[in-house]
Amino acid sequence: MKLHELKPAKGSIKSSKRVGRGQGSGKGGTSTRGHKGAKSNSGYSAKRGFEGGQMPLQRRLPKKGFKSLNPNIFVPFNFSRINEIVEKYNISEFSFDSLREHKIIAKTDRIKVLGTGELSKGITMKVHAISAKAKEAAESKGCSVSIL
């Protein structure tokens, strides 16, 4: 067997319908497009969302809400995760800069501390937000909490 001898299996390839090639083909004249109307002419393409003149769906429905171009995305950190980070990277200050340095958060992210778990040792926290329960628990462990 050689490369030039390769052929598809018999009956697997079907020839395309040749329309508009004379009356003898059975597909001449209107070329299966019917008579008159926009769709019968060459160059026709329907606009996106066009429903034949009927009021389109995207215009029938009311406008609702909006998407902020620069949303404040808070990244939640529980005490258990804070413990892991402090031990792994040996940091004394849990802040935006220290987390950014170790590529834990993106530069557009904001830090929010939540109170699940327990802190192993007292550290300095400089965060964007903290829950009331977490602040109370952190201060009882001897942590200094400041909000950016």
N, C-alpha and C. Protein backbone atom coordinates (compact mmCIF):
# COMPACT_ATOMS: atom_id res chain seq x y z
N MET A 1 0.85 -1.19 0.00
CA MET A 1 0.00 0.00 0.00
C MET A 1 0.89 1.25 0.00
N LYS A 2 0.57 2.17 -0.86
CA LYS A 2 1.33 3.40 -0.96
C LYS A 2 0.38 4.57 -0.70
N LEU A 3 0.98 5.73 -0.42
CA LEU A 3 0.21 6.91 -0.06
C LEU A 3 -0.75 7.33 -1.18
N HIS A 4 -0.33 7.23 -2.42
CA HIS A 4 -1.19 7.65 -3.54
C HIS A 4 -2.29 6.64 -3.85
N GLU A 5 -2.23 5.46 -3.22
CA GLU A 5 -3.26 4.44 -3.44
C GLU A 5 -4.40 4.50 -2.41
N LEU A 6 -4.23 5.35 -1.36
CA LEU A 6 -5.26 5.45 -0.31
C LEU A 6 -6.53 6.08 -0.85
N LYS A 7 -7.67 5.49 -0.51
CA LYS A 7 -8.98 5.99 -0.93
C LYS A 7 -9.97 5.77 0.21
N PRO A 8 -10.98 6.66 0.35
CA PRO A 8 -12.00 6.41 1.37
C PRO A 8 -12.83 5.20 1.01
N ALA A 9 -13.48 4.60 2.00
CA ALA A 9 -14.30 3.41 1.77
C ALA A 9 -15.44 3.72 0.81
N LYS A 10 -15.84 2.73 0.04
CA LYS A 10 -16.89 2.91 -0.96
C LYS A 10 -18.21 3.27 -0.26
N GLY A 11 -18.84 4.35 -0.73
CA GLY A 11 -20.11 4.79 -0.16
C GLY A 11 -19.98 5.73 1.03
N SER A 12 -18.75 5.97 1.52
CA SER A 12 -18.59 6.83 2.69
C SER A 12 -18.58 8.31 2.32
N ILE A 13 -18.22 8.63 1.10
CA ILE A 13 -18.19 10.02 0.64
C ILE A 13 -19.38 10.27 -0.28
N LYS A 14 -20.17 11.28 0.06
CA LYS A 14 -21.34 11.62 -0.73
C LYS A 14 -21.08 12.95 -1.42
N SER A 15 -21.35 13.04 -2.72
CA SER A 15 -21.10 14.29 -3.44
C SER A 15 -22.12 15.34 -3.02
N SER A 16 -21.68 16.61 -2.99
CA SER A 16 -22.55 17.69 -2.55
C SER A 16 -23.61 18.00 -3.61
N LYS A 17 -24.71 18.59 -3.18
CA LYS A 17 -25.83 18.92 -4.05
C LYS A 17 -25.44 20.14 -4.88
N ARG A 18 -25.40 19.99 -6.22
CA ARG A 18 -25.04 21.11 -7.09
C ARG A 18 -26.31 21.81 -7.54
N VAL A 19 -26.60 22.95 -6.90
CA VAL A 19 -27.83 23.67 -7.24
C VAL A 19 -27.55 24.79 -8.23
N GLY A 20 -28.57 25.16 -8.99
CA GLY A 20 -28.44 26.25 -9.95
C GLY A 20 -27.59 25.89 -11.15
N ARG A 21 -27.65 24.62 -11.59
CA ARG A 21 -26.86 24.18 -12.74
C ARG A 21 -27.77 23.67 -13.87
N GLY A 22 -28.87 24.38 -14.10
CA GLY A 22 -29.76 24.04 -15.21
C GLY A 22 -30.96 23.23 -14.79
N GLN A 23 -31.98 23.24 -15.66
CA GLN A 23 -33.24 22.57 -15.36
C GLN A 23 -33.11 21.05 -15.31
N GLY A 24 -32.21 20.51 -16.07
CA GLY A 24 -32.04 19.06 -16.12
C GLY A 24 -31.61 18.47 -14.78
N SER A 25 -30.98 19.25 -13.93
CA SER A 25 -30.51 18.76 -12.63
C SER A 25 -31.66 18.60 -11.64
N GLY A 26 -32.79 19.28 -11.92
CA GLY A 26 -33.91 19.25 -10.98
C GLY A 26 -33.75 20.31 -9.89
N LYS A 27 -32.60 20.99 -9.87
CA LYS A 27 -32.35 22.03 -8.86
C LYS A 27 -31.97 23.34 -9.56
N GLY A 28 -32.54 23.58 -10.75
CA GLY A 28 -32.23 24.80 -11.50
C GLY A 28 -33.20 25.89 -11.13
N GLY A 29 -33.25 26.97 -11.91
CA GLY A 29 -34.21 28.06 -11.69
C GLY A 29 -33.96 28.79 -10.40
N THR A 30 -34.74 28.50 -9.38
CA THR A 30 -34.63 29.22 -8.10
C THR A 30 -33.55 28.63 -7.20
N SER A 31 -32.92 27.54 -7.58
CA SER A 31 -31.85 26.89 -6.81
C SER A 31 -32.29 26.55 -5.39
N THR A 32 -33.48 26.01 -5.26
CA THR A 32 -34.09 25.56 -3.98
C THR A 32 -34.36 26.69 -3.00
N ARG A 33 -34.31 27.97 -3.49
CA ARG A 33 -34.51 29.10 -2.58
C ARG A 33 -35.95 29.61 -2.59
N GLY A 34 -36.81 29.06 -3.39
CA GLY A 34 -38.18 29.55 -3.46
C GLY A 34 -38.27 30.82 -4.28
N HIS A 35 -39.45 31.44 -4.31
CA HIS A 35 -39.64 32.65 -5.13
C HIS A 35 -39.63 33.91 -4.29
N LYS A 36 -38.93 34.92 -4.75
CA LYS A 36 -38.85 36.26 -4.14
C LYS A 36 -38.45 36.25 -2.66
N GLY A 37 -38.48 37.41 -2.04
CA GLY A 37 -38.13 37.52 -0.62
C GLY A 37 -36.64 37.67 -0.41
N ALA A 38 -36.28 38.19 0.76
CA ALA A 38 -34.88 38.49 1.07
C ALA A 38 -33.98 37.26 0.98
N LYS A 39 -34.48 36.13 1.45
CA LYS A 39 -33.64 34.92 1.50
C LYS A 39 -33.34 34.34 0.13
N SER A 40 -34.06 34.79 -0.90
CA SER A 40 -33.84 34.23 -2.23
C SER A 40 -32.68 34.91 -2.95
N ASN A 41 -32.32 36.11 -2.49
CA ASN A 41 -31.27 36.88 -3.16
C ASN A 41 -29.88 36.52 -2.64
N SER A 42 -28.88 36.76 -3.48
CA SER A 42 -27.51 36.50 -3.05
C SER A 42 -27.08 37.58 -2.05
N GLY A 43 -26.16 37.25 -1.19
CA GLY A 43 -25.67 38.21 -0.21
C GLY A 43 -26.53 38.32 1.02
N TYR A 44 -27.58 37.51 1.13
CA TYR A 44 -28.46 37.59 2.29
C TYR A 44 -27.80 36.95 3.51
N SER A 45 -27.85 37.65 4.62
CA SER A 45 -27.49 37.03 5.91
C SER A 45 -28.30 37.74 6.98
N ALA A 46 -28.99 36.98 7.83
CA ALA A 46 -29.85 37.56 8.86
C ALA A 46 -28.99 38.20 9.94
N LYS A 47 -29.44 39.34 10.44
CA LYS A 47 -28.72 39.99 11.53
C LYS A 47 -28.90 39.17 12.80
N ARG A 48 -27.92 39.25 13.68
CA ARG A 48 -27.98 38.49 14.93
C ARG A 48 -29.21 38.92 15.74
N GLY A 49 -30.02 37.96 16.14
CA GLY A 49 -31.21 38.24 16.94
C GLY A 49 -32.41 38.67 16.14
N PHE A 50 -32.33 38.68 14.81
CA PHE A 50 -33.46 39.10 13.96
C PHE A 50 -34.53 38.02 13.96
N GLU A 51 -35.78 38.42 14.20
CA GLU A 51 -36.88 37.46 14.28
C GLU A 51 -37.96 37.77 13.25
N GLY A 52 -37.54 38.15 12.05
CA GLY A 52 -38.48 38.38 10.96
C GLY A 52 -39.36 39.59 11.15
N GLY A 53 -38.88 40.59 11.84
CA GLY A 53 -39.66 41.82 12.05
C GLY A 53 -40.40 41.83 13.37
N GLN A 54 -40.59 40.66 13.98
CA GLN A 54 -41.19 40.58 15.31
C GLN A 54 -40.21 41.22 16.29
N MET A 55 -40.72 41.83 17.37
CA MET A 55 -39.86 42.45 18.37
C MET A 55 -38.95 41.37 18.97
N PRO A 56 -37.64 41.51 18.82
CA PRO A 56 -36.73 40.46 19.28
C PRO A 56 -36.72 40.28 20.80
N LEU A 57 -36.36 39.10 21.23
CA LEU A 57 -36.40 38.74 22.64
C LEU A 57 -35.58 39.70 23.50
N GLN A 58 -34.39 40.06 23.05
CA GLN A 58 -33.53 40.93 23.86
C GLN A 58 -34.10 42.34 24.02
N ARG A 59 -35.08 42.72 23.17
CA ARG A 59 -35.73 44.02 23.31
C ARG A 59 -37.05 43.91 24.06
N ARG A 60 -37.63 42.71 24.10
CA ARG A 60 -38.89 42.50 24.83
C ARG A 60 -38.66 42.43 26.33
N LEU A 61 -37.50 41.93 26.73
CA LEU A 61 -37.22 41.77 28.15
C LEU A 61 -36.69 43.07 28.74
N PRO A 62 -37.01 43.37 30.01
CA PRO A 62 -36.53 44.62 30.62
C PRO A 62 -35.04 44.56 30.96
N LYS A 63 -34.44 45.75 31.03
CA LYS A 63 -33.04 45.82 31.46
C LYS A 63 -33.01 45.55 32.95
N LYS A 64 -31.98 44.86 33.41
CA LYS A 64 -31.92 44.55 34.84
C LYS A 64 -30.48 44.47 35.30
N GLY A 65 -30.15 45.23 36.31
CA GLY A 65 -28.83 45.17 36.93
C GLY A 65 -27.71 45.67 36.04
N PHE A 66 -26.48 45.54 36.54
CA PHE A 66 -25.30 45.90 35.77
C PHE A 66 -24.12 45.13 36.31
N LYS A 67 -23.05 45.08 35.54
CA LYS A 67 -21.83 44.40 35.96
C LYS A 67 -20.75 45.45 36.16
N SER A 68 -20.24 45.54 37.37
CA SER A 68 -19.22 46.54 37.69
C SER A 68 -17.94 46.27 36.91
N LEU A 69 -17.33 47.34 36.41
CA LEU A 69 -16.09 47.20 35.65
C LEU A 69 -14.89 46.96 36.56
N ASN A 70 -14.97 47.42 37.79
CA ASN A 70 -13.89 47.17 38.75
C ASN A 70 -14.46 46.72 40.10
N PRO A 71 -14.92 45.46 40.17
CA PRO A 71 -15.54 44.97 41.40
C PRO A 71 -14.51 44.73 42.50
N ASN A 72 -14.96 44.86 43.74
CA ASN A 72 -14.09 44.52 44.88
C ASN A 72 -14.22 43.03 45.13
N ILE A 73 -13.22 42.28 44.75
CA ILE A 73 -13.26 40.84 44.92
C ILE A 73 -12.53 40.48 46.21
N PHE A 74 -13.30 40.04 47.20
CA PHE A 74 -12.71 39.65 48.47
C PHE A 74 -12.32 38.18 48.44
N VAL A 75 -11.10 37.89 48.85
CA VAL A 75 -10.64 36.51 48.95
C VAL A 75 -10.74 36.11 50.42
N PRO A 76 -11.57 35.10 50.73
CA PRO A 76 -11.75 34.73 52.14
C PRO A 76 -10.59 33.89 52.67
N PHE A 77 -10.16 34.20 53.89
CA PHE A 77 -9.12 33.43 54.57
C PHE A 77 -9.64 33.04 55.94
N ASN A 78 -9.73 31.73 56.20
CA ASN A 78 -10.10 31.24 57.52
C ASN A 78 -8.85 31.13 58.36
N PHE A 79 -9.01 31.04 59.67
CA PHE A 79 -7.87 30.93 60.57
C PHE A 79 -7.01 29.71 60.25
N SER A 80 -7.66 28.61 59.87
CA SER A 80 -6.91 27.39 59.54
C SER A 80 -5.99 27.63 58.34
N ARG A 81 -6.47 28.37 57.34
CA ARG A 81 -5.65 28.66 56.16
C ARG A 81 -4.55 29.66 56.50
N ILE A 82 -4.86 30.60 57.37
CA ILE A 82 -3.85 31.58 57.81
C ILE A 82 -2.71 30.85 58.52
N ASN A 83 -3.06 29.87 59.38
CA ASN A 83 -2.03 29.08 60.07
C ASN A 83 -1.11 28.38 59.08
N GLU A 84 -1.70 27.76 58.06
CA GLU A 84 -0.91 27.06 57.03
C GLU A 84 0.05 28.01 56.33
N ILE A 85 -0.44 29.18 55.96
CA ILE A 85 0.38 30.16 55.24
C ILE A 85 1.51 30.68 56.12
N VAL A 86 1.19 30.99 57.38
CA VAL A 86 2.21 31.49 58.32
C VAL A 86 3.31 30.47 58.54
N GLU A 87 2.93 29.19 58.70
CA GLU A 87 3.92 28.13 58.90
C GLU A 87 4.73 27.84 57.64
N LYS A 88 4.06 27.78 56.50
CA LYS A 88 4.73 27.44 55.24
C LYS A 88 5.74 28.51 54.81
N TYR A 89 5.34 29.77 54.87
CA TYR A 89 6.21 30.85 54.39
C TYR A 89 6.94 31.58 55.51
N ASN A 90 6.71 31.20 56.75
CA ASN A 90 7.37 31.77 57.93
C ASN A 90 7.26 33.30 57.95
N ILE A 91 6.03 33.79 57.93
CA ILE A 91 5.81 35.23 57.95
C ILE A 91 5.24 35.67 59.30
N SER A 92 5.62 36.87 59.74
CA SER A 92 5.14 37.38 61.02
C SER A 92 3.96 38.34 60.84
N GLU A 93 3.84 38.88 59.61
CA GLU A 93 2.76 39.82 59.32
C GLU A 93 1.89 39.29 58.19
N PHE A 94 0.60 39.08 58.49
CA PHE A 94 -0.36 38.61 57.48
C PHE A 94 -0.96 39.84 56.83
N SER A 95 -0.40 40.23 55.68
CA SER A 95 -0.87 41.45 55.01
C SER A 95 -0.95 41.24 53.50
N PHE A 96 -1.50 42.22 52.82
CA PHE A 96 -1.64 42.18 51.36
C PHE A 96 -0.28 42.02 50.70
N ASP A 97 0.70 42.79 51.17
CA ASP A 97 2.05 42.75 50.58
C ASP A 97 2.72 41.39 50.74
N SER A 98 2.60 40.80 51.92
CA SER A 98 3.24 39.49 52.16
C SER A 98 2.57 38.38 51.34
N LEU A 99 1.25 38.45 51.20
CA LEU A 99 0.53 37.46 50.39
C LEU A 99 0.83 37.65 48.90
N ARG A 100 0.96 38.89 48.49
CA ARG A 100 1.29 39.22 47.10
C ARG A 100 2.71 38.75 46.75
N GLU A 101 3.61 38.91 47.71
CA GLU A 101 5.02 38.51 47.55
C GLU A 101 5.13 37.00 47.29
N HIS A 102 4.30 36.22 47.96
CA HIS A 102 4.31 34.76 47.81
C HIS A 102 3.31 34.27 46.76
N LYS A 103 2.72 35.21 45.99
CA LYS A 103 1.80 34.91 44.89
C LYS A 103 0.57 34.09 45.32
N ILE A 104 0.04 34.42 46.49
CA ILE A 104 -1.15 33.74 47.00
C ILE A 104 -2.41 34.45 46.49
N ILE A 105 -2.33 35.77 46.31
CA ILE A 105 -3.47 36.53 45.80
C ILE A 105 -3.04 37.40 44.62
N ALA A 106 -4.03 37.87 43.85
CA ALA A 106 -3.77 38.77 42.72
C ALA A 106 -3.74 40.20 43.22
N LYS A 107 -3.18 41.10 42.42
CA LYS A 107 -3.05 42.49 42.88
C LYS A 107 -4.38 43.23 42.95
N THR A 108 -5.42 42.70 42.30
CA THR A 108 -6.74 43.33 42.37
C THR A 108 -7.59 42.76 43.50
N ASP A 109 -7.15 41.69 44.13
CA ASP A 109 -7.91 41.04 45.20
C ASP A 109 -7.84 41.84 46.50
N ARG A 110 -8.82 41.59 47.36
CA ARG A 110 -8.83 42.16 48.71
C ARG A 110 -8.96 41.01 49.70
N ILE A 111 -8.43 41.19 50.89
CA ILE A 111 -8.38 40.12 51.88
C ILE A 111 -9.51 40.28 52.90
N LYS A 112 -10.24 39.18 53.14
CA LYS A 112 -11.23 39.17 54.21
C LYS A 112 -10.95 37.97 55.10
N VAL A 113 -10.86 38.20 56.40
CA VAL A 113 -10.59 37.13 57.36
C VAL A 113 -11.90 36.68 57.98
N LEU A 114 -12.10 35.35 57.99
CA LEU A 114 -13.29 34.75 58.59
C LEU A 114 -12.87 33.89 59.77
N GLY A 115 -13.78 33.65 60.70
CA GLY A 115 -13.42 33.03 61.97
C GLY A 115 -13.49 31.53 62.09
N THR A 116 -13.44 30.77 61.00
CA THR A 116 -13.48 29.31 61.10
C THR A 116 -12.09 28.79 61.48
N GLY A 117 -12.06 27.89 62.44
CA GLY A 117 -10.78 27.34 62.91
C GLY A 117 -10.24 28.15 64.07
N GLU A 118 -8.95 27.91 64.39
CA GLU A 118 -8.32 28.62 65.50
C GLU A 118 -6.91 29.02 65.14
N LEU A 119 -6.49 30.19 65.59
CA LEU A 119 -5.13 30.65 65.32
C LEU A 119 -4.16 29.95 66.26
N SER A 120 -2.99 29.58 65.73
CA SER A 120 -1.99 28.89 66.56
C SER A 120 -1.13 29.87 67.34
N LYS A 121 -0.86 31.06 66.75
CA LYS A 121 -0.06 32.06 67.45
C LYS A 121 -0.50 33.46 67.07
N GLY A 122 -0.11 34.43 67.90
CA GLY A 122 -0.47 35.82 67.65
C GLY A 122 0.39 36.43 66.56
N ILE A 123 -0.25 37.03 65.56
CA ILE A 123 0.47 37.69 64.47
C ILE A 123 -0.16 39.04 64.18
N THR A 124 0.53 39.85 63.40
CA THR A 124 -0.02 41.14 62.97
C THR A 124 -0.82 40.93 61.70
N MET A 125 -2.05 41.44 61.69
CA MET A 125 -2.90 41.31 60.51
C MET A 125 -3.25 42.68 59.96
N LYS A 126 -2.95 42.89 58.68
CA LYS A 126 -3.36 44.11 57.97
C LYS A 126 -4.23 43.65 56.81
N VAL A 127 -5.54 43.75 56.99
CA VAL A 127 -6.49 43.19 56.02
C VAL A 127 -7.51 44.24 55.59
N HIS A 128 -8.24 43.94 54.50
CA HIS A 128 -9.26 44.86 53.99
C HIS A 128 -10.58 44.73 54.75
N ALA A 129 -10.88 43.50 55.22
CA ALA A 129 -12.12 43.28 55.97
C ALA A 129 -11.94 42.08 56.89
N ILE A 130 -12.69 42.09 57.99
CA ILE A 130 -12.65 40.98 58.95
C ILE A 130 -14.02 40.86 59.60
N SER A 131 -14.48 39.64 59.80
CA SER A 131 -15.77 39.45 60.45
C SER A 131 -15.65 39.76 61.94
N ALA A 132 -16.76 40.10 62.57
CA ALA A 132 -16.76 40.47 63.99
C ALA A 132 -16.27 39.31 64.85
N LYS A 133 -16.72 38.10 64.54
CA LYS A 133 -16.33 36.90 65.28
C LYS A 133 -14.82 36.65 65.15
N ALA A 134 -14.31 36.84 63.95
CA ALA A 134 -12.88 36.62 63.69
C ALA A 134 -12.03 37.66 64.41
N LYS A 135 -12.48 38.91 64.41
CA LYS A 135 -11.73 39.99 65.07
C LYS A 135 -11.64 39.73 66.57
N GLU A 136 -12.76 39.33 67.13
CA GLU A 136 -12.82 39.03 68.58
C GLU A 136 -11.88 37.87 68.93
N ALA A 137 -11.92 36.81 68.12
CA ALA A 137 -11.07 35.63 68.36
C ALA A 137 -9.59 35.95 68.17
N ALA A 138 -9.27 36.76 67.16
CA ALA A 138 -7.87 37.11 66.88
C ALA A 138 -7.29 37.97 68.00
N GLU A 139 -8.07 38.95 68.47
CA GLU A 139 -7.59 39.83 69.54
C GLU A 139 -7.44 39.09 70.86
N SER A 140 -8.25 38.06 71.09
CA SER A 140 -8.12 37.25 72.32
C SER A 140 -6.85 36.40 72.28
N LYS A 141 -6.35 36.10 71.06
CA LYS A 141 -5.11 35.33 70.89
C LYS A 141 -3.87 36.22 70.92
N GLY A 142 -4.08 37.54 70.98
CA GLY A 142 -2.96 38.47 71.05
C GLY A 142 -2.53 39.02 69.69
N CYS A 143 -3.41 38.91 68.71
CA CYS A 143 -3.12 39.43 67.37
C CYS A 143 -3.50 40.91 67.32
N SER A 144 -2.71 41.69 66.57
CA SER A 144 -3.10 43.08 66.33
C SER A 144 -3.73 43.13 64.94
N VAL A 145 -4.96 43.64 64.89
CA VAL A 145 -5.72 43.68 63.65
C VAL A 145 -5.91 45.12 63.21
N SER A 146 -5.49 45.43 61.98
CA SER A 146 -5.74 46.76 61.42
C SER A 146 -6.38 46.60 60.05
N ILE A 147 -7.33 47.49 59.77
CA ILE A 147 -8.05 47.41 58.48
C ILE A 147 -7.48 48.44 57.54
N LEU A 148 -7.17 47.99 56.32
CA LEU A 148 -6.57 48.86 55.29
C LEU A 148 -7.62 49.78 54.69
